[in-house]
Amino acid sequence: MMDYLLLFLGLGLLLVGANYLVDASVAIAQRAKISNFIIGLTIVGIGTSAPELFISIQSALTGHGDIAMGNVLGSNIANVFLILGVTATILPFSIDKMQQRRDIPVGIGAAILVLLLANDSLIPGISENTMSRIDGIFLLLVFIVYMSFVILRKGKDPKQAIAEADEETKSQLAGKNVILLWIIAATSLGALLWGGNMFLDSAKSLAKTWGMSEAVISITIVAIGTSLPELITAIIAACKKNPQLALGNVIGSNVFNLLMILGVSSTVHSYNLENISIVDYSMAIVAAICIFITIYTFKKQKFDRIEGIFFLAIYIGYTVYLLMR
């Protein structure tokens, strides 16, 4: 019973800590006269993936590579099949042309890249699968190139970029005393670290209690837990008749997870992968490809309700497969 309590308490600290860390950081950055556009691309973008980032780094440092990788893969799979499935089922939505041409293909490429880097055993003579520092640095370089392209692309339409940035960078703590902002940021960071350790320890304990591998626990419970902010945001956006926000959040979060989070965690500390199967990597790739397929099925360039229901069915089926594995 205590493990369940600590799991939810740790998750709560992760979510609350991430929220206030982003708000305080945005307010501090705006006080320092940093562009809203840059703030939106960095602090806000990274902040939405903060729970996954802290879990993966702590897992890597403590030698639990399956949780570091499973958390990212599971979050990406849940983002697509669960979050987009729920969103489209509530309210179908159109797919932006820029997402079709740039963001969705990048998501597919990133998923394939991770599969190739993580599965060293595909090379003759190598028996262990490892995410090394070289792999991490390479992923970070790809992420920097992608973000540079995004910045340059948005810069072609300054008015639109500024309008989007102003919307993305609204902070509830704007106008607060700067010392108070730093205290809130430091406290939030502490909550993230403490909550991450608590969440991670209870997840590992539950894995032993249930007789499951850390890989399965991380792809299911840990991944869904760290994806809660995106799920809540998507449901609220759909209920407010603005479901397109969900697709942008999911694609952006998935690219961040694969390139930035795995890049940072494996650069900080190399780790071995033991029970993450080729099926799990393949599901992350299939998830990215399925978003692309929705552009051309049923009503073109639109995410239909029937596709949302189909996505939810895939997620339920995959979860059942994991629990039986």
Protein backbone atom coordinates (compact mmCIF):
# COMPACT_ATOMS: atom_id res chain seq x y z
CA MET A 1 0.00 0.00 0.00
CA MET A 2 2.86 2.36 0.88
CA ASP A 3 4.39 1.91 -2.60
CA TYR A 4 1.14 3.04 -4.26
CA LEU A 5 0.96 6.07 -1.96
CA LEU A 6 4.57 7.03 -2.67
CA LEU A 7 4.03 6.52 -6.42
CA PHE A 8 1.14 9.00 -6.52
CA LEU A 9 2.85 11.41 -4.12
CA GLY A 10 6.03 11.34 -6.23
CA LEU A 11 3.99 11.90 -9.40
CA GLY A 12 2.20 14.83 -7.78
CA LEU A 13 5.51 16.45 -6.80
CA LEU A 14 6.80 15.92 -10.36
CA LEU A 15 3.78 17.57 -11.99
CA VAL A 16 3.46 20.46 -9.54
CA GLY A 17 7.23 21.04 -9.52
CA ALA A 18 7.39 21.11 -13.33
CA ASN A 19 4.46 23.54 -13.55
CA TYR A 20 5.87 26.07 -11.06
CA LEU A 21 9.44 25.70 -12.34
CA VAL A 22 8.27 26.66 -15.84
CA ASP A 23 6.16 29.57 -14.57
CA ALA A 24 8.94 30.95 -12.37
CA SER A 25 11.59 30.47 -15.09
CA VAL A 26 9.43 32.23 -17.69
CA ALA A 27 8.83 35.19 -15.33
CA ILE A 28 12.58 35.42 -14.51
CA ALA A 29 13.52 35.23 -18.21
CA GLN A 30 11.02 37.96 -19.09
CA ARG A 31 12.50 40.16 -16.31
CA ALA A 32 15.89 39.62 -17.99
CA LYS A 33 14.37 40.90 -21.29
CA ILE A 34 14.79 37.54 -23.05
CA SER A 35 12.61 37.21 -26.16
CA ASN A 36 9.23 35.53 -25.64
CA PHE A 37 9.93 33.57 -28.80
CA ILE A 38 13.12 32.06 -27.36
CA ILE A 39 11.42 31.44 -24.01
CA GLY A 40 8.60 29.56 -25.75
CA LEU A 41 11.02 27.35 -27.64
CA THR A 42 13.28 26.56 -24.69
CA ILE A 43 11.84 26.93 -21.18
CA VAL A 44 8.22 26.14 -22.05
CA GLY A 45 9.14 23.38 -24.49
CA ILE A 46 11.54 21.65 -22.11
CA GLY A 47 9.22 22.27 -19.15
CA THR A 48 6.41 20.15 -20.58
CA SER A 49 8.84 17.23 -20.75
CA ALA A 50 10.42 17.90 -17.33
CA PRO A 51 8.92 14.81 -15.59
CA GLU A 52 10.27 12.49 -18.31
CA LEU A 53 13.63 14.29 -18.23
CA PHE A 54 14.15 13.94 -14.47
CA ILE A 55 12.99 10.31 -14.40
CA SER A 56 15.30 9.37 -17.29
CA ILE A 57 18.35 11.16 -15.85
CA GLN A 58 17.87 9.62 -12.40
CA SER A 59 17.33 6.18 -13.97
CA ALA A 60 20.53 6.51 -16.01
CA LEU A 61 22.57 7.65 -13.00
CA THR A 62 21.35 4.72 -10.88
CA GLY A 63 21.94 2.11 -13.58
CA HIS A 64 18.28 1.48 -14.48
CA GLY A 65 18.56 1.88 -18.25
CA ASP A 66 15.30 0.06 -18.99
CA ILE A 67 13.35 2.70 -17.05
CA ALA A 68 15.22 5.56 -18.77
CA MET A 69 14.40 4.19 -22.24
CA GLY A 70 11.00 2.65 -21.38
CA ASN A 71 9.80 5.96 -19.94
CA VAL A 72 10.54 7.77 -23.21
CA LEU A 73 9.19 5.06 -25.53
CA GLY A 74 6.10 4.54 -23.37
CA SER A 75 5.42 8.29 -23.17
CA ASN A 76 5.65 8.64 -26.95
CA ILE A 77 3.35 5.66 -27.54
CA ALA A 78 0.86 6.99 -24.96
CA ASN A 79 1.07 10.51 -26.43
CA VAL A 80 0.00 9.26 -29.84
CA PHE A 81 -2.39 6.36 -29.26
CA LEU A 82 -3.88 7.44 -25.92
CA ILE A 83 -3.79 11.26 -25.99
CA LEU A 84 -4.49 11.82 -29.70
CA GLY A 85 -6.97 8.94 -29.59
CA VAL A 86 -8.92 10.57 -26.74
CA THR A 87 -8.71 14.03 -28.36
CA ALA A 88 -9.97 12.93 -31.80
CA THR A 89 -12.71 10.81 -30.23
CA ILE A 90 -13.97 13.89 -28.37
CA LEU A 91 -13.59 16.26 -31.34
CA PRO A 92 -12.01 15.56 -34.77
CA PHE A 93 -9.48 18.16 -35.95
CA SER A 94 -7.47 19.21 -39.00
CA ILE A 95 -3.70 18.73 -39.44
CA ASP A 96 -1.57 21.80 -40.16
CA LYS A 97 0.54 21.81 -43.35
CA MET A 98 3.77 22.60 -41.48
CA GLN A 99 3.16 19.59 -39.24
CA GLN A 100 2.66 17.44 -42.34
CA ARG A 101 5.81 18.62 -44.09
CA ARG A 102 8.28 19.01 -41.21
CA ASP A 103 7.25 17.94 -37.71
CA ILE A 104 5.62 14.56 -38.44
CA PRO A 105 8.50 13.33 -40.69
CA VAL A 106 11.03 14.48 -38.03
CA GLY A 107 9.12 12.46 -35.42
CA ILE A 108 9.31 9.34 -37.61
CA GLY A 109 13.02 9.88 -38.30
CA ALA A 110 13.81 10.41 -34.61
CA ALA A 111 12.05 7.16 -33.63
CA ILE A 112 13.97 5.19 -36.28
CA LEU A 113 17.25 6.82 -35.21
CA VAL A 114 16.74 5.77 -31.58
CA LEU A 115 15.99 2.18 -32.62
CA LEU A 116 19.27 2.04 -34.59
CA LEU A 117 21.39 3.62 -31.83
CA ALA A 118 19.93 1.55 -28.98
CA ASN A 119 20.05 -1.88 -30.62
CA ASP A 120 23.79 -2.57 -30.83
CA SER A 121 23.08 -6.31 -30.85
CA LEU A 122 21.89 -5.95 -34.46
CA ILE A 123 25.60 -5.59 -35.34
CA PRO A 124 27.36 -8.98 -35.64
CA GLY A 125 29.67 -9.68 -32.71
CA ILE A 126 27.91 -7.36 -30.22
CA SER A 127 25.66 -8.95 -27.60
CA GLU A 128 24.72 -5.99 -25.34
CA ASN A 129 22.44 -3.07 -26.13
CA THR A 130 23.78 0.20 -24.75
CA MET A 131 23.01 3.90 -24.95
CA SER A 132 26.50 5.42 -24.83
CA ARG A 133 27.71 8.99 -24.35
CA ILE A 134 28.50 9.12 -28.08
CA ASP A 135 24.88 8.14 -28.84
CA GLY A 136 23.66 10.85 -26.46
CA ILE A 137 25.87 13.57 -27.95
CA PHE A 138 24.74 12.60 -31.46
CA LEU A 139 21.06 12.83 -30.45
CA LEU A 140 21.67 16.25 -28.89
CA LEU A 141 23.39 17.48 -32.05
CA VAL A 142 20.42 16.35 -34.14
CA PHE A 143 18.11 18.11 -31.66
CA ILE A 144 20.10 21.36 -31.92
CA VAL A 145 19.95 21.23 -35.73
CA TYR A 146 16.18 20.62 -35.61
CA MET A 147 15.58 23.47 -33.12
CA SER A 148 17.76 25.81 -35.20
CA PHE A 149 15.67 25.01 -38.24
CA VAL A 150 12.46 25.64 -36.28
CA ILE A 151 13.75 29.03 -35.09
CA LEU A 152 14.84 30.08 -38.57
CA ARG A 153 11.56 28.88 -40.07
CA LYS A 154 9.44 30.75 -37.56
CA GLY A 155 11.59 33.81 -38.04
CA LYS A 156 10.30 34.13 -41.62
CA ASP A 157 7.02 35.43 -40.20
CA PRO A 158 7.97 37.63 -37.21
CA LYS A 159 4.45 38.85 -36.43
CA GLN A 160 3.04 35.33 -36.28
CA ALA A 161 6.04 34.06 -34.28
CA ILE A 162 5.68 36.84 -31.70
CA ALA A 163 1.92 36.26 -31.40
CA GLU A 164 2.45 32.52 -30.86
CA ALA A 165 5.24 33.18 -28.37
CA ASP A 166 3.15 35.62 -26.35
CA GLU A 167 0.44 32.97 -26.09
CA GLU A 168 2.92 30.24 -25.10
CA THR A 169 4.76 32.27 -22.48
CA LYS A 170 1.96 33.52 -20.24
CA SER A 171 3.08 33.11 -16.63
CA GLN A 172 0.86 33.13 -13.55
CA LEU A 173 3.82 34.56 -11.61
CA ALA A 174 4.39 37.61 -13.82
CA GLY A 175 4.98 40.74 -11.75
CA LYS A 176 6.10 38.88 -8.62
CA ASN A 177 9.23 39.92 -6.72
CA VAL A 178 12.34 38.51 -8.39
CA ILE A 179 13.67 37.05 -5.11
CA LEU A 180 10.37 35.23 -4.63
CA LEU A 181 10.60 33.92 -8.20
CA TRP A 182 14.06 32.46 -7.53
CA ILE A 183 12.80 30.85 -4.31
CA ILE A 184 9.84 29.30 -6.18
CA ALA A 185 12.17 28.05 -8.95
CA ALA A 186 14.59 26.48 -6.45
CA THR A 187 11.76 24.92 -4.43
CA SER A 188 10.16 23.55 -7.63
CA LEU A 189 13.47 22.06 -8.72
CA GLY A 190 13.75 20.39 -5.32
CA ALA A 191 10.22 19.02 -5.70
CA LEU A 192 11.14 17.60 -9.11
CA LEU A 193 14.24 15.87 -7.75
CA TRP A 194 12.49 14.54 -4.65
CA GLY A 195 9.35 13.52 -6.53
CA GLY A 196 11.41 11.86 -9.25
CA ASN A 197 13.32 9.74 -6.74
CA MET A 198 10.14 8.82 -4.88
CA PHE A 199 8.28 7.94 -8.09
CA LEU A 200 11.23 5.92 -9.41
CA ASP A 201 11.80 3.96 -6.18
CA SER A 202 8.11 3.05 -5.80
CA ALA A 203 7.88 2.00 -9.48
CA LYS A 204 10.89 -0.31 -9.05
CA SER A 205 9.37 -1.75 -5.88
CA LEU A 206 6.03 -2.38 -7.61
CA ALA A 207 7.83 -4.10 -10.50
CA LYS A 208 9.31 -6.59 -8.03
CA THR A 209 6.01 -7.04 -6.19
CA TRP A 210 4.08 -7.77 -9.40
CA GLY A 211 6.85 -9.93 -10.85
CA MET A 212 7.20 -7.65 -13.90
CA SER A 213 10.31 -6.28 -15.51
CA GLU A 214 11.29 -2.64 -15.04
CA ALA A 215 10.84 -2.23 -18.80
CA VAL A 216 7.12 -3.09 -18.64
CA ILE A 217 6.50 -0.93 -15.55
CA SER A 218 8.25 2.05 -17.17
CA ILE A 219 6.40 1.72 -20.50
CA THR A 220 3.02 1.53 -18.75
CA ILE A 221 2.72 3.13 -15.28
CA VAL A 222 5.73 5.45 -15.40
CA ALA A 223 5.04 6.59 -18.97
CA ILE A 224 1.34 7.28 -18.40
CA GLY A 225 2.14 9.12 -15.18
CA THR A 226 4.69 11.43 -16.80
CA SER A 227 2.34 11.99 -19.79
CA LEU A 228 -0.52 13.23 -17.59
CA PRO A 229 0.16 16.95 -18.29
CA GLU A 230 -0.18 16.36 -22.05
CA LEU A 231 -3.32 14.22 -21.54
CA ILE A 232 -5.03 16.83 -19.35
CA THR A 233 -4.04 19.64 -21.74
CA ALA A 234 -5.40 17.67 -24.71
CA ILE A 235 -8.75 16.91 -23.06
CA ILE A 236 -9.22 20.54 -21.98
CA ALA A 237 -8.26 21.78 -25.47
CA ALA A 238 -10.74 19.39 -27.11
CA CYS A 239 -13.55 20.40 -24.70
CA LYS A 240 -12.82 24.07 -25.50
CA LYS A 241 -13.05 23.23 -29.23
CA ASN A 242 -9.35 23.82 -29.86
CA PRO A 243 -8.10 20.22 -30.30
CA GLN A 244 -5.34 21.18 -32.79
CA LEU A 245 -3.24 22.15 -29.75
CA ALA A 246 -3.05 18.47 -28.80
CA LEU A 247 -1.30 17.43 -32.02
CA GLY A 248 1.30 20.19 -31.75
CA ASN A 249 1.97 19.33 -28.10
CA VAL A 250 2.26 15.61 -28.84
CA ILE A 251 4.60 15.97 -31.83
CA GLY A 252 6.78 18.51 -30.01
CA SER A 253 6.87 16.40 -26.83
CA ASN A 254 7.76 13.23 -28.76
CA VAL A 255 10.68 14.88 -30.58
CA PHE A 256 11.90 16.37 -27.27
CA ASN A 257 11.65 12.94 -25.60
CA LEU A 258 13.60 11.07 -28.26
CA LEU A 259 16.30 13.60 -29.08
CA MET A 260 16.69 15.83 -26.03
CA ILE A 261 15.77 13.57 -23.09
CA LEU A 262 17.53 10.43 -24.34
CA GLY A 263 20.40 12.64 -25.50
CA VAL A 264 20.84 14.28 -22.10
CA SER A 265 20.34 11.10 -20.03
CA SER A 266 22.85 9.00 -22.00
CA THR A 267 25.36 11.88 -22.19
CA VAL A 268 25.20 12.23 -18.40
CA HIS A 269 25.71 8.47 -17.93
CA SER A 270 25.85 5.53 -20.35
CA TYR A 271 23.44 2.68 -19.56
CA ASN A 272 22.66 -0.86 -20.67
CA LEU A 273 19.28 -1.96 -21.99
CA GLU A 274 18.15 -5.45 -21.02
CA ASN A 275 14.39 -5.99 -21.40
CA ILE A 276 13.33 -3.32 -23.90
CA SER A 277 12.34 -5.41 -26.92
CA ILE A 278 12.41 -4.58 -30.61
CA VAL A 279 8.59 -4.55 -30.41
CA ASP A 280 8.70 -1.54 -28.07
CA TYR A 281 10.95 0.47 -30.40
CA SER A 282 8.80 -0.60 -33.34
CA MET A 283 5.63 0.59 -31.58
CA ALA A 284 7.17 4.04 -31.13
CA ILE A 285 7.94 4.10 -34.87
CA VAL A 286 4.47 2.78 -35.76
CA ALA A 287 2.93 5.50 -33.57
CA ALA A 288 4.82 8.21 -35.48
CA ILE A 289 3.89 6.65 -38.84
CA CYS A 290 0.22 6.36 -37.85
CA ILE A 291 0.03 10.14 -37.39
CA PHE A 292 1.32 10.49 -40.96
CA ILE A 293 -1.20 7.95 -42.28
CA THR A 294 -4.13 9.91 -40.80
CA ILE A 295 -3.35 12.71 -43.28
CA TYR A 296 -4.49 10.49 -46.17
CA THR A 297 -7.22 8.28 -44.68
CA PHE A 298 -10.95 9.05 -44.52
CA LYS A 299 -11.19 12.87 -44.63
CA LYS A 300 -7.80 13.96 -45.90
CA GLN A 301 -5.67 16.24 -43.70
CA LYS A 302 -8.00 15.62 -40.78
CA PHE A 303 -7.87 13.48 -37.67
CA ASP A 304 -11.28 11.76 -37.66
CA ARG A 305 -13.23 10.26 -34.76
CA ILE A 306 -12.96 6.74 -36.20
CA GLU A 307 -9.16 7.15 -36.30
CA GLY A 308 -9.23 8.28 -32.67
CA ILE A 309 -11.16 5.16 -31.65
CA PHE A 310 -8.74 3.01 -33.68
CA PHE A 311 -5.77 4.63 -31.90
CA LEU A 312 -7.32 3.89 -28.49
CA ALA A 313 -7.90 0.26 -29.51
CA ILE A 314 -4.23 -0.06 -30.52
CA TYR A 315 -3.11 1.35 -27.16
CA ILE A 316 -5.34 -1.01 -25.18
CA GLY A 317 -4.11 -3.96 -27.25
CA TYR A 318 -0.45 -3.02 -26.77
CA THR A 319 -0.93 -2.57 -23.01
CA VAL A 320 -2.54 -6.02 -22.75
CA TYR A 321 0.40 -7.46 -24.70
CA LEU A 322 2.87 -5.82 -22.27
CA LEU A 323 1.07 -7.14 -19.20
CA MET A 324 1.08 -10.66 -20.65
CA ARG A 325 4.75 -10.47 -21.77
